[in-house]
PDB file of N, CA and C in Angstrom:
ATOM      1  N   MET A   1     -21.809  96.845 -79.104  1.00  0.00           N
ATOM      2  CA  MET A   1     -21.596  95.705 -79.953  1.00  0.00           C
ATOM      3  C   MET A   1     -21.077  94.524 -79.126  1.00  0.00           C
ATOM      4  N   LEU A   2     -20.124  94.763 -78.250  1.00  0.00           N
ATOM      5  CA  LEU A   2     -19.597  93.715 -77.375  1.00  0.00           C
ATOM      6  C   LEU A   2     -20.702  93.184 -76.463  1.00  0.00           C
ATOM      7  N   ALA A   3     -21.564  94.058 -76.013  1.00  0.00           N
ATOM      8  CA  ALA A   3     -22.682  93.644 -75.160  1.00  0.00           C
ATOM      9  C   ALA A   3     -23.640  92.759 -75.944  1.00  0.00           C
ATOM     10  N   ASP A   4     -23.855  93.098 -77.238  1.00  0.00           N
ATOM     11  CA  ASP A   4     -24.734  92.276 -78.072  1.00  0.00           C
ATOM     12  C   ASP A   4     -24.158  90.875 -78.259  1.00  0.00           C
ATOM     13  N   VAL A   5     -22.858  90.786 -78.501  1.00  0.00           N
ATOM     14  CA  VAL A   5     -22.200  89.483 -78.670  1.00  0.00           C
ATOM     15  C   VAL A   5     -22.292  88.693 -77.367  1.00  0.00           C
ATOM     16  N   ARG A   6     -22.050  89.377 -76.257  1.00  0.00           N
ATOM     17  CA  ARG A   6     -22.118  88.710 -74.955  1.00  0.00           C
ATOM     18  C   ARG A   6     -23.542  88.201 -74.697  1.00  0.00           C
ATOM     19  N   ASN A   7     -24.536  89.016 -74.983  1.00  0.00           N
ATOM     20  CA  ASN A   7     -25.933  88.600 -74.794  1.00  0.00           C
ATOM     21  C   ASN A   7     -26.279  87.415 -75.690  1.00  0.00           C
ATOM     22  N   ARG A   8     -25.810  87.467 -76.935  1.00  0.00           N
ATOM     23  CA  ARG A   8     -26.073  86.372 -77.862  1.00  0.00           C
ATOM     24  C   ARG A   8     -25.408  85.087 -77.357  1.00  0.00           C
ATOM     25  N   LEU A   9     -24.168  85.171 -76.867  1.00  0.00           N
ATOM     26  CA  LEU A   9     -23.475  83.995 -76.318  1.00  0.00           C
ATOM     27  C   LEU A   9     -24.208  83.453 -75.091  1.00  0.00           C
ATOM     28  N   GLU A  10     -24.679  84.350 -74.238  1.00  0.00           N
ATOM     29  CA  GLU A  10     -25.440  83.919 -73.059  1.00  0.00           C
ATOM     30  C   GLU A  10     -26.728  83.209 -73.488  1.00  0.00           C
ATOM     31  N   ASP A  11     -27.402  83.762 -74.501  1.00  0.00           N
ATOM     32  CA  ASP A  11     -28.629  83.137 -75.007  1.00  0.00           C
ATOM     33  C   ASP A  11     -28.335  81.759 -75.600  1.00  0.00           C
ATOM     34  N   GLU A  12     -27.254  81.661 -76.381  1.00  0.00           N
ATOM     35  CA  GLU A  12     -26.881  80.375 -76.973  1.00  0.00           C
ATOM     36  C   GLU A  12     -26.488  79.370 -75.893  1.00  0.00           C
ATOM     37  N   LYS A  13     -25.768  79.860 -74.896  1.00  0.00           N
ATOM     38  CA  LYS A  13     -25.354  78.995 -73.786  1.00  0.00           C
ATOM     39  C   LYS A  13     -26.592  78.479 -73.044  1.00  0.00           C
ATOM     40  N   ARG A  14     -27.537  79.366 -72.760  1.00  0.00           N
ATOM     41  CA  ARG A  14     -28.775  78.996 -72.077  1.00  0.00           C
ATOM     42  C   ARG A  14     -29.564  77.986 -72.922  1.00  0.00           C
ATOM     43  N   GLU A  15     -29.619  78.241 -74.223  1.00  0.00           N
ATOM     44  CA  GLU A  15     -30.331  77.339 -75.126  1.00  0.00           C
ATOM     45  C   GLU A  15     -29.675  75.957 -75.157  1.00  0.00           C
ATOM     46  N   CYS A  16     -28.356  75.920 -75.206  1.00  0.00           N
ATOM     47  CA  CYS A  16     -27.625  74.638 -75.190  1.00  0.00           C
ATOM     48  C   CYS A  16     -27.867  73.894 -73.884  1.00  0.00           C
ATOM     49  N   LEU A  17     -27.824  74.611 -72.769  1.00  0.00           N
ATOM     50  CA  LEU A  17     -28.071  73.975 -71.472  1.00  0.00           C
ATOM     51  C   LEU A  17     -29.498  73.423 -71.397  1.00  0.00           C
ATOM     52  N   ASN A  18     -30.443  74.177 -71.928  1.00  0.00           N
ATOM     53  CA  ASN A  18     -31.832  73.697 -71.953  1.00  0.00           C
ATOM     54  C   ASN A  18     -31.963  72.441 -72.808  1.00  0.00           C
ATOM     55  N   GLN A  19     -31.268  72.413 -73.943  1.00  0.00           N
ATOM     56  CA  GLN A  19     -31.314  71.237 -74.812  1.00  0.00           C
ATOM     57  C   GLN A  19     -30.694  70.020 -74.124  1.00  0.00           C
ATOM     58  N   VAL A  20     -29.556  70.248 -73.446  1.00  0.00           N
ATOM     59  CA  VAL A  20     -28.900  69.150 -72.723  1.00  0.00           C
ATOM     60  C   VAL A  20     -29.813  68.648 -71.608  1.00  0.00           C
ATOM     61  N   ARG A  21     -30.411  69.596 -70.873  1.00  0.00           N
ATOM     62  CA  ARG A  21     -31.320  69.225 -69.784  1.00  0.00           C
ATOM     63  C   ARG A  21     -32.498  68.418 -70.328  1.00  0.00           C
ATOM     64  N   ASP A  22     -33.104  68.895 -71.405  1.00  0.00           N
ATOM     65  CA  ASP A  22     -34.239  68.192 -72.000  1.00  0.00           C
ATOM     66  C   ASP A  22     -33.836  66.805 -72.491  1.00  0.00           C
ATOM     67  N   SER A  23     -32.666  66.725 -73.097  1.00  0.00           N
ATOM     68  CA  SER A  23     -32.172  65.437 -73.584  1.00  0.00           C
ATOM     69  C   SER A  23     -31.951  64.466 -72.426  1.00  0.00           C
ATOM     70  N   LEU A  24     -31.338  64.952 -71.347  1.00  0.00           N
ATOM     71  CA  LEU A  24     -31.105  64.104 -70.175  1.00  0.00           C
ATOM     72  C   LEU A  24     -32.426  63.679 -69.537  1.00  0.00           C
ATOM     73  N   MET A  25     -33.383  64.582 -69.488  1.00  0.00           N
ATOM     74  CA  MET A  25     -34.684  64.235 -68.908  1.00  0.00           C
ATOM     75  C   MET A  25     -35.382  63.163 -69.743  1.00  0.00           C
ATOM     76  N   ARG A  26     -35.345  63.313 -71.067  1.00  0.00           N
ATOM     77  CA  ARG A  26     -35.963  62.300 -71.935  1.00  0.00           C
ATOM     78  C   ARG A  26     -35.264  60.951 -71.773  1.00  0.00           C
ATOM     79  N   SER A  27     -33.941  61.003 -71.704  1.00  0.00           N
ATOM     80  CA  SER A  27     -33.170  59.771 -71.535  1.00  0.00           C
ATOM     81  C   SER A  27     -33.510  59.109 -70.201  1.00  0.00           C
ATOM     82  N   HIS A  28     -33.589  59.915 -69.152  1.00  0.00           N
ATOM     83  CA  HIS A  28     -33.905  59.390 -67.822  1.00  0.00           C
ATOM     84  C   HIS A  28     -35.323  58.807 -67.795  1.00  0.00           C
ATOM     85  N   GLU A  29     -36.272  59.510 -68.394  1.00  0.00           N
ATOM     86  CA  GLU A  29     -37.645  59.003 -68.447  1.00  0.00           C
ATOM     87  C   GLU A  29     -37.715  57.694 -69.233  1.00  0.00           C
ATOM     88  N   ALA A  30     -36.970  57.621 -70.325  1.00  0.00           N
ATOM     89  CA  ALA A  30     -36.942  56.386 -71.115  1.00  0.00           C
ATOM     90  C   ALA A  30     -36.349  55.244 -70.296  1.00  0.00           C
ATOM     91  N   ASP A  31     -35.287  55.535 -69.534  1.00  0.00           N
ATOM     92  CA  ASP A  31     -34.681  54.508 -68.680  1.00  0.00           C
ATOM     93  C   ASP A  31     -35.672  54.035 -67.618  1.00  0.00           C
ATOM     94  N   LEU A  32     -36.396  54.983 -67.019  1.00  0.00           N
ATOM     95  CA  LEU A  32     -37.380  54.614 -66.001  1.00  0.00           C
ATOM     96  C   LEU A  32     -38.499  53.759 -66.600  1.00  0.00           C
ATOM     97  N   GLN A  33     -38.954  54.120 -67.781  1.00  0.00           N
ATOM     98  CA  GLN A  33     -40.005  53.334 -68.433  1.00  0.00           C
ATOM     99  C   GLN A  33     -39.505  51.938 -68.783  1.00  0.00           C
ATOM    100  N   ARG A  34     -38.283  51.854 -69.277  1.00  0.00           N
ATOM    101  CA  ARG A  34     -37.703  50.556 -69.619  1.00  0.00           C
ATOM    102  C   ARG A  34     -37.572  49.692 -68.366  1.00  0.00           C
ATOM    103  N   ALA A  35     -37.083  50.300 -67.279  1.00  0.00           N
ATOM    104  CA  ALA A  35     -36.940  49.546 -66.029  1.00  0.00           C
ATOM    105  C   ALA A  35     -38.309  49.083 -65.531  1.00  0.00           C
ATOM    106  N   GLY A  36     -39.318  49.938 -65.658  1.00  0.00           N
ATOM    107  CA  GLY A  36     -40.670  49.557 -65.246  1.00  0.00           C
ATOM    108  C   GLY A  36     -41.209  48.408 -66.071  1.00  0.00           C
ATOM    109  N   ARG A  37     -41.000  48.461 -67.383  1.00  0.00           N
ATOM    110  CA  ARG A  37     -41.455  47.369 -68.251  1.00  0.00           C
ATOM    111  C   ARG A  37     -40.731  46.071 -67.919  1.00  0.00           C
ATOM    112  N   GLU A  38     -39.416  46.166 -67.684  1.00  0.00           N
ATOM    113  CA  GLU A  38     -38.644  44.961 -67.340  1.00  0.00           C
ATOM    114  C   GLU A  38     -39.125  44.379 -66.018  1.00  0.00           C
ATOM    115  N   ARG A  39     -39.391  45.255 -65.036  1.00  0.00           N
ATOM    116  CA  ARG A  39     -39.878  44.794 -63.736  1.00  0.00           C
ATOM    117  C   ARG A  39     -41.239  44.114 -63.896  1.00  0.00           C
ATOM    118  N   ASP A  40     -42.123  44.741 -64.678  1.00  0.00           N
ATOM    119  CA  ASP A  40     -43.443  44.153 -64.905  1.00  0.00           C
ATOM    120  C   ASP A  40     -43.334  42.813 -65.621  1.00  0.00           C
ATOM    121  N   GLU A  41     -42.459  42.734 -66.610  1.00  0.00           N
ATOM    122  CA  GLU A  41     -42.280  41.484 -67.354  1.00  0.00           C
ATOM    123  C   GLU A  41     -41.717  40.391 -66.443  1.00  0.00           C
ATOM    124  N   THR A  42     -40.758  40.754 -65.608  1.00  0.00           N
ATOM    125  CA  THR A  42     -40.193  39.790 -64.658  1.00  0.00           C
ATOM    126  C   THR A  42     -41.277  39.305 -63.702  1.00  0.00           C
ATOM    127  N   HIS A  43     -42.081  40.230 -63.219  1.00  0.00           N
ATOM    128  CA  HIS A  43     -43.157  39.870 -62.299  1.00  0.00           C
ATOM    129  C   HIS A  43     -44.162  38.946 -62.976  1.00  0.00           C
ATOM    130  N   ARG A  44     -44.541  39.261 -64.218  1.00  0.00           N
ATOM    131  CA  ARG A  44     -45.463  38.396 -64.961  1.00  0.00           C
ATOM    132  C   ARG A  44     -44.865  37.008 -65.176  1.00  0.00           C
ATOM    133  N   ARG A  45     -43.581  36.971 -65.512  1.00  0.00           N
ATOM    134  CA  ARG A  45     -42.917  35.688 -65.743  1.00  0.00           C
ATOM    135  C   ARG A  45     -42.888  34.870 -64.448  1.00  0.00           C
ATOM    136  N   GLN A  46     -42.581  35.518 -63.319  1.00  0.00           N
ATOM    137  CA  GLN A  46     -42.549  34.797 -62.052  1.00  0.00           C
ATOM    138  C   GLN A  46     -43.932  34.282 -61.670  1.00  0.00           C
ATOM    139  N   LEU A  47     -44.957  35.100 -61.909  1.00  0.00           N
ATOM    140  CA  LEU A  47     -46.316  34.645 -61.622  1.00  0.00           C
ATOM    141  C   LEU A  47     -46.684  33.448 -62.489  1.00  0.00           C
ATOM    142  N   GLN A  48     -46.307  33.499 -63.749  1.00  0.00           N
ATOM    143  CA  GLN A  48     -46.607  32.391 -64.662  1.00  0.00           C
ATOM    144  C   GLN A  48     -45.867  31.124 -64.233  1.00  0.00           C
ATOM    145  N   GLU A  49     -44.595  31.277 -63.833  1.00  0.00           N
ATOM    146  CA  GLU A  49     -43.831  30.115 -63.368  1.00  0.00           C
ATOM    147  C   GLU A  49     -44.458  29.533 -62.107  1.00  0.00           C
ATOM    148  N   ALA A  50     -44.886  30.404 -61.192  1.00  0.00           N
ATOM    149  CA  ALA A  50     -45.519  29.929 -59.961  1.00  0.00           C
ATOM    150  C   ALA A  50     -46.826  29.206 -60.279  1.00  0.00           C
ATOM    151  N   LYS A  51     -47.590  29.757 -61.211  1.00  0.00           N
ATOM    152  CA  LYS A  51     -48.855  29.135 -61.596  1.00  0.00           C
ATOM    153  C   LYS A  51     -48.608  27.772 -62.238  1.00  0.00           C
ATOM    154  N   THR A  52     -47.605  27.700 -63.108  1.00  0.00           N
ATOM    155  CA  THR A  52     -47.272  26.436 -63.763  1.00  0.00           C
ATOM    156  C   THR A  52     -46.828  25.400 -62.735  1.00  0.00           C
ATOM    157  N   THR A  53     -45.984  25.820 -61.805  1.00  0.00           N
ATOM    158  CA  THR A  53     -45.513  24.912 -60.755  1.00  0.00           C
ATOM    159  C   THR A  53     -46.680  24.430 -59.908  1.00  0.00           C
ATOM    160  N   GLN A  54     -47.573  25.353 -59.566  1.00  0.00           N
ATOM    161  CA  GLN A  54     -48.739  24.988 -58.766  1.00  0.00           C
ATOM    162  C   GLN A  54     -49.623  23.989 -59.511  1.00  0.00           C
ATOM    163  N   GLU A  55     -49.823  24.210 -60.792  1.00  0.00           N
ATOM    164  CA  GLU A  55     -50.631  23.279 -61.587  1.00  0.00           C
ATOM    165  C   GLU A  55     -49.971  21.905 -61.658  1.00  0.00           C
ATOM    166  N   LYS A  56     -48.643  21.884 -61.813  1.00  0.00           N
ATOM    167  CA  LYS A  56     -47.933  20.598 -61.849  1.00  0.00           C
ATOM    168  C   LYS A  56     -48.085  19.857 -60.529  1.00  0.00           C
ATOM    169  N   LEU A  57     -47.951  20.600 -59.416  1.00  0.00           N
ATOM    170  CA  LEU A  57     -48.086  19.963 -58.105  1.00  0.00           C
ATOM    171  C   LEU A  57     -49.503  19.435 -57.891  1.00  0.00           C
ATOM    172  N   ARG A  58     -50.495  20.224 -58.300  1.00  0.00           N
ATOM    173  CA  ARG A  58     -51.874  19.751 -58.162  1.00  0.00           C
ATOM    174  C   ARG A  58     -52.108  18.497 -58.995  1.00  0.00           C
ATOM    175  N   ALA A  59     -51.582  18.485 -60.218  1.00  0.00           N
ATOM    176  CA  ALA A  59     -51.734  17.309 -61.075  1.00  0.00           C
ATOM    177  C   ALA A  59     -51.047  16.105 -60.443  1.00  0.00           C
ATOM    178  N   GLU A  60     -49.878  16.327 -59.867  1.00  0.00           N
ATOM    179  CA  GLU A  60     -49.156  15.228 -59.218  1.00  0.00           C
ATOM    180  C   GLU A  60     -49.931  14.711 -58.010  1.00  0.00           C
ATOM    181  N   ILE A  61     -50.514  15.634 -57.239  1.00  0.00           N
ATOM    182  CA  ILE A  61     -51.311  15.219 -56.081  1.00  0.00           C
ATOM    183  C   ILE A  61     -52.529  14.420 -56.537  1.00  0.00           C
ATOM    184  N   ARG A  62     -53.205  14.909 -57.580  1.00  0.00           N
ATOM    185  CA  ARG A  62     -54.361  14.166 -58.105  1.00  0.00           C
ATOM    186  C   ARG A  62     -53.942  12.785 -58.592  1.00  0.00           C
ATOM    187  N   ARG A  63     -52.798  12.735 -59.270  1.00  0.00           N
ATOM    188  CA  ARG A  63     -52.303  11.463 -59.784  1.00  0.00           C
ATOM    189  C   ARG A  63     -51.993  10.512 -58.622  1.00  0.00           C
ATOM    190  N   GLU A  64     -51.351  11.032 -57.577  1.00  0.00           N
ATOM    191  CA  GLU A  64     -51.028  10.189 -56.419  1.00  0.00           C
ATOM    192  C   GLU A  64     -52.297   9.724 -55.715  1.00  0.00           C
ATOM    193  N   ASN A  65     -53.275  10.635 -55.592  1.00  0.00           N
ATOM    194  CA  ASN A  65     -54.531  10.252 -54.934  1.00  0.00           C
ATOM    195  C   ASN A  65     -55.270   9.194 -55.732  1.00  0.00           C
ATOM    196  N   SER A  66     -55.315   9.362 -57.039  1.00  0.00           N
ATOM    197  CA  SER A  66     -56.019   8.369 -57.852  1.00  0.00           C
ATOM    198  C   SER A  66     -55.260   7.049 -57.858  1.00  0.00           C
ATOM    199  N   ARG A  67     -53.955   7.121 -57.811  1.00  0.00           N
ATOM    200  CA  ARG A  67     -53.144   5.904 -57.783  1.00  0.00           C
ATOM    201  C   ARG A  67     -53.362   5.167 -56.464  1.00  0.00           C
ATOM    202  N   SER A  68     -53.428   5.910 -55.350  1.00  0.00           N
ATOM    203  CA  SER A  68     -53.590   5.254 -54.054  1.00  0.00           C
ATOM    204  C   SER A  68     -55.010   4.727 -53.880  1.00  0.00           C
ATOM    205  N   ASP A  69     -55.994   5.360 -54.536  1.00  0.00           N
ATOM    206  CA  ASP A  69     -57.369   4.871 -54.437  1.00  0.00           C
ATOM    207  C   ASP A  69     -57.525   3.505 -55.097  1.00  0.00           C
ATOM    208  N   HIS A  70     -56.798   3.268 -56.146  1.00  0.00           N
ATOM    209  CA  HIS A  70     -56.958   2.035 -56.905  1.00  0.00           C
ATOM    210  C   HIS A  70     -55.853   1.014 -56.628  1.00  0.00           C
ATOM    211  N   SER A  71     -54.978   1.324 -55.709  1.00  0.00           N
ATOM    212  CA  SER A  71     -53.891   0.381 -55.446  1.00  0.00           C
ATOM    213  C   SER A  71     -54.420  -0.784 -54.618  1.00  0.00           C
ATOM    214  N   PRO A  72     -53.941  -1.953 -54.908  1.00  0.00           N
ATOM    215  CA  PRO A  72     -54.400  -3.119 -54.145  1.00  0.00           C
ATOM    216  C   PRO A  72     -53.843  -3.080 -52.724  1.00  0.00           C
ATOM    217  N   ALA A  73     -54.546  -3.747 -51.831  1.00  0.00           N
ATOM    218  CA  ALA A  73     -54.110  -3.802 -50.442  1.00  0.00           C
ATOM    219  C   ALA A  73     -52.812  -4.591 -50.356  1.00  0.00           C
ATOM    220  N   PRO A  74     -51.949  -4.251 -49.409  1.00  0.00           N
ATOM    221  CA  PRO A  74     -50.660  -4.945 -49.332  1.00  0.00           C
ATOM    222  C   PRO A  74     -50.794  -6.418 -48.958  1.00  0.00           C
ATOM    223  N   CYS A  75     -51.918  -6.817 -48.359  1.00  0.00           N
ATOM    224  CA  CYS A  75     -52.060  -8.219 -47.956  1.00  0.00           C
ATOM    225  C   CYS A  75     -52.863  -9.019 -48.977  1.00  0.00           C
ATOM    226  N   CYS A  76     -52.920  -8.560 -50.199  1.00  0.00           N
ATOM    227  CA  CYS A  76     -53.735  -9.255 -51.204  1.00  0.00           C
ATOM    228  C   CYS A  76     -53.159 -10.632 -51.550  1.00  0.00           C
ATOM    229  N   HIS A  77     -51.945 -10.909 -51.104  1.00  0.00           N
ATOM    230  CA  HIS A  77     -51.345 -12.212 -51.385  1.00  0.00           C
ATOM    231  C   HIS A  77     -51.628 -13.213 -50.270  1.00  0.00           C
ATOM    232  N   CYS A  78     -52.509 -12.838 -49.358  1.00  0.00           N
ATOM    233  CA  CYS A  78     -52.839 -13.734 -48.244  1.00  0.00           C
ATOM    234  C   CYS A  78     -53.698 -14.893 -48.750  1.00  0.00           C
ATOM    235  N   THR A  79     -53.464 -16.020 -48.152  1.00  0.00           N
ATOM    236  CA  THR A  79     -54.270 -17.191 -48.502  1.00  0.00           C
ATOM    237  C   THR A  79     -55.559 -17.155 -47.690  1.00  0.00           C
ATOM    238  N   ASP A  80     -56.485 -18.018 -48.046  1.00  0.00           N
ATOM    239  CA  ASP A  80     -57.747 -18.095 -47.300  1.00  0.00           C
ATOM    240  C   ASP A  80     -57.491 -18.492 -45.853  1.00  0.00           C
ATOM    241  N   ARG A  81     -56.536 -19.371 -45.651  1.00  0.00           N
ATOM    242  CA  ARG A  81     -56.196 -19.799 -44.296  1.00  0.00           C
ATOM    243  C   ARG A  81     -55.710 -18.607 -43.470  1.00  0.00           C
ATOM    244  N   ASP A  82     -54.849 -17.744 -44.094  1.00  0.00           N
ATOM    245  CA  ASP A  82     -54.357 -16.560 -43.386  1.00  0.00           C
ATOM    246  C   ASP A  82     -55.503 -15.602 -43.062  1.00  0.00           C
ATOM    247  N   LEU A  83     -56.424 -15.435 -44.000  1.00  0.00           N
ATOM    248  CA  LEU A  83     -57.556 -14.538 -43.767  1.00  0.00           C
ATOM    249  C   LEU A  83     -58.443 -15.061 -42.642  1.00  0.00           C
ATOM    250  N   ASP A  84     -58.668 -16.368 -42.617  1.00  0.00           N
ATOM    251  CA  ASP A  84     -59.464 -16.954 -41.530  1.00  0.00           C
ATOM    252  C   ASP A  84     -58.784 -16.728 -40.185  1.00  0.00           C
ATOM    253  N   ARG A  85     -57.480 -16.952 -40.139  1.00  0.00           N
ATOM    254  CA  ARG A  85     -56.735 -16.752 -38.897  1.00  0.00           C
ATOM    255  C   ARG A  85     -56.825 -15.293 -38.447  1.00  0.00           C
ATOM    256  N   MET A  86     -56.655 -14.342 -39.393  1.00  0.00           N
ATOM    257  CA  MET A  86     -56.715 -12.924 -39.034  1.00  0.00           C
ATOM    258  C   MET A  86     -58.116 -12.534 -38.567  1.00  0.00           C
ATOM    259  N   ASN A  87     -59.136 -13.119 -39.178  1.00  0.00           N
ATOM    260  CA  ASN A  87     -60.509 -12.837 -38.741  1.00  0.00           C
ATOM    261  C   ASN A  87     -60.754 -13.353 -37.329  1.00  0.00           C
ATOM    262  N   ARG A  88     -60.234 -14.548 -37.014  1.00  0.00           N
ATOM    263  CA  ARG A  88     -60.370 -15.077 -35.658  1.00  0.00           C
ATOM    264  C   ARG A  88     -59.648 -14.182 -34.655  1.00  0.00           C
ATOM    265  N   GLU A  89     -58.434 -13.722 -35.011  1.00  0.00           N
ATOM    266  CA  GLU A  89     -57.690 -12.834 -34.116  1.00  0.00           C
ATOM    267  C   GLU A  89     -58.438 -11.520 -33.905  1.00  0.00           C
ATOM    268  N   LEU A  90     -59.018 -11.012 -34.980  1.00  0.00           N
ATOM    269  CA  LEU A  90     -59.773  -9.769 -34.881  1.00  0.00           C
ATOM    270  C   LEU A  90     -60.988  -9.957 -33.980  1.00  0.00           C
ATOM    271  N   SER A  91     -61.664 -11.071 -34.144  1.00  0.00           N
ATOM    272  CA  SER A  91     -62.826 -11.359 -33.299  1.00  0.00           C
ATOM    273  C   SER A  91     -62.407 -11.478 -31.835  1.00  0.00           C
ATOM    274  N   THR A  92     -61.297 -12.142 -31.586  1.00  0.00           N
ATOM    275  CA  THR A  92     -60.786 -12.284 -30.226  1.00  0.00           C
ATOM    276  C   THR A  92     -60.452 -10.917 -29.635  1.00  0.00           C
ATOM    277  N   LEU A  93     -59.819 -10.072 -30.427  1.00  0.00           N
ATOM    278  CA  LEU A  93     -59.466  -8.732 -29.944  1.00  0.00           C
ATOM    279  C   LEU A  93     -60.711  -7.894 -29.652  1.00  0.00           C
ATOM    280  N   ARG A  94     -61.734  -8.043 -30.467  1.00  0.00           N
ATOM    281  CA  ARG A  94     -62.982  -7.305 -30.230  1.00  0.00           C
ATOM    282  C   ARG A  94     -63.637  -7.779 -28.925  1.00  0.00           C
ATOM    283  N   ASP A  95     -63.648  -9.093 -28.719  1.00  0.00           N
ATOM    284  CA  ASP A  95     -64.210  -9.623 -27.474  1.00  0.00           C
ATOM    285  C   ASP A  95     -63.421  -9.109 -26.277  1.00  0.00           C
ATOM    286  N   HIS A  96     -62.119  -9.099 -26.400  1.00  0.00           N
ATOM    287  CA  HIS A  96     -61.263  -8.617 -25.315  1.00  0.00           C
ATOM    288  C   HIS A  96     -61.543  -7.134 -25.043  1.00  0.00           C
ATOM    289  N   LYS A  97     -61.740  -6.368 -26.096  1.00  0.00           N
ATOM    290  CA  LYS A  97     -62.040  -4.939 -25.948  1.00  0.00           C
ATOM    291  C   LYS A  97     -63.355  -4.759 -25.193  1.00  0.00           C
ATOM    292  N   LYS A  98     -64.378  -5.556 -25.555  1.00  0.00           N
ATOM    293  CA  LYS A  98     -65.672  -5.458 -24.879  1.00  0.00           C
ATOM    294  C   LYS A  98     -65.529  -5.760 -23.391  1.00  0.00           C
ATOM    295  N   ARG A  99     -64.771  -6.810 -23.057  1.00  0.00           N
ATOM    296  CA  ARG A  99     -64.581  -7.167 -21.656  1.00  0.00           C
ATOM    297  C   ARG A  99     -63.868  -6.063 -20.895  1.00  0.00           C
ATOM    298  N   LEU A 100     -62.877  -5.445 -21.535  1.00  0.00           N
ATOM    299  CA  LEU A 100     -62.162  -4.347 -20.882  1.00  0.00           C
ATOM    300  C   LEU A 100     -63.076  -3.141 -20.671  1.00  0.00           C
ATOM    301  N   GLU A 101     -63.905  -2.841 -21.664  1.00  0.00           N
ATOM    302  CA  GLU A 101     -64.836  -1.721 -21.523  1.00  0.00           C
ATOM    303  C   GLU A 101     -65.833  -1.989 -20.398  1.00  0.00           C
ATOM    304  N   GLU A 102     -66.317  -3.232 -20.302  1.00  0.00           N
ATOM    305  CA  GLU A 102     -67.254  -3.575 -19.235  1.00  0.00           C
ATOM    306  C   GLU A 102     -66.579  -3.498 -17.874  1.00  0.00           C
ATOM    307  N   ALA A 103     -65.311  -3.856 -17.817  1.00  0.00           N
ATOM    308  CA  ALA A 103     -64.590  -3.805 -16.552  1.00  0.00           C
ATOM    309  C   ALA A 103     -64.370  -2.361 -16.110  1.00  0.00           C
ATOM    310  N   VAL A 104     -64.193  -1.473 -17.055  1.00  0.00           N
ATOM    311  CA  VAL A 104     -63.962  -0.067 -16.722  1.00  0.00           C
ATOM    312  C   VAL A 104     -65.253   0.572 -16.228  1.00  0.00           C
ATOM    313  N   VAL A 105     -66.381   0.164 -16.775  1.00  0.00           N
ATOM    314  CA  VAL A 105     -67.670   0.769 -16.409  1.00  0.00           C
ATOM    315  C   VAL A 105     -68.155   0.233 -15.128  1.00  0.00           C
TER     316      VAL A 105
END
């Protein structure tokens, strides 16, 4: 009779340990799944933020390029007299360049 009680207690003890083990395993698996989902969500969020930032930068670059394409030249306030003078200087510099090239050859 004492042996039967002892065997029954051992069986109950084993059953309780198995239940605790199973419970801990389920809890651990749930924690791992939760951590995996959080990691995936964080990764998705970071990718989305990077994509948004990249799109903003591209839009800003396009905006700057289009702005610079249509911006007036800085010397647009020059008078006709100034333009004539600059054209004469440019012509003189071109002639000087030709003479230097001929001298080198």
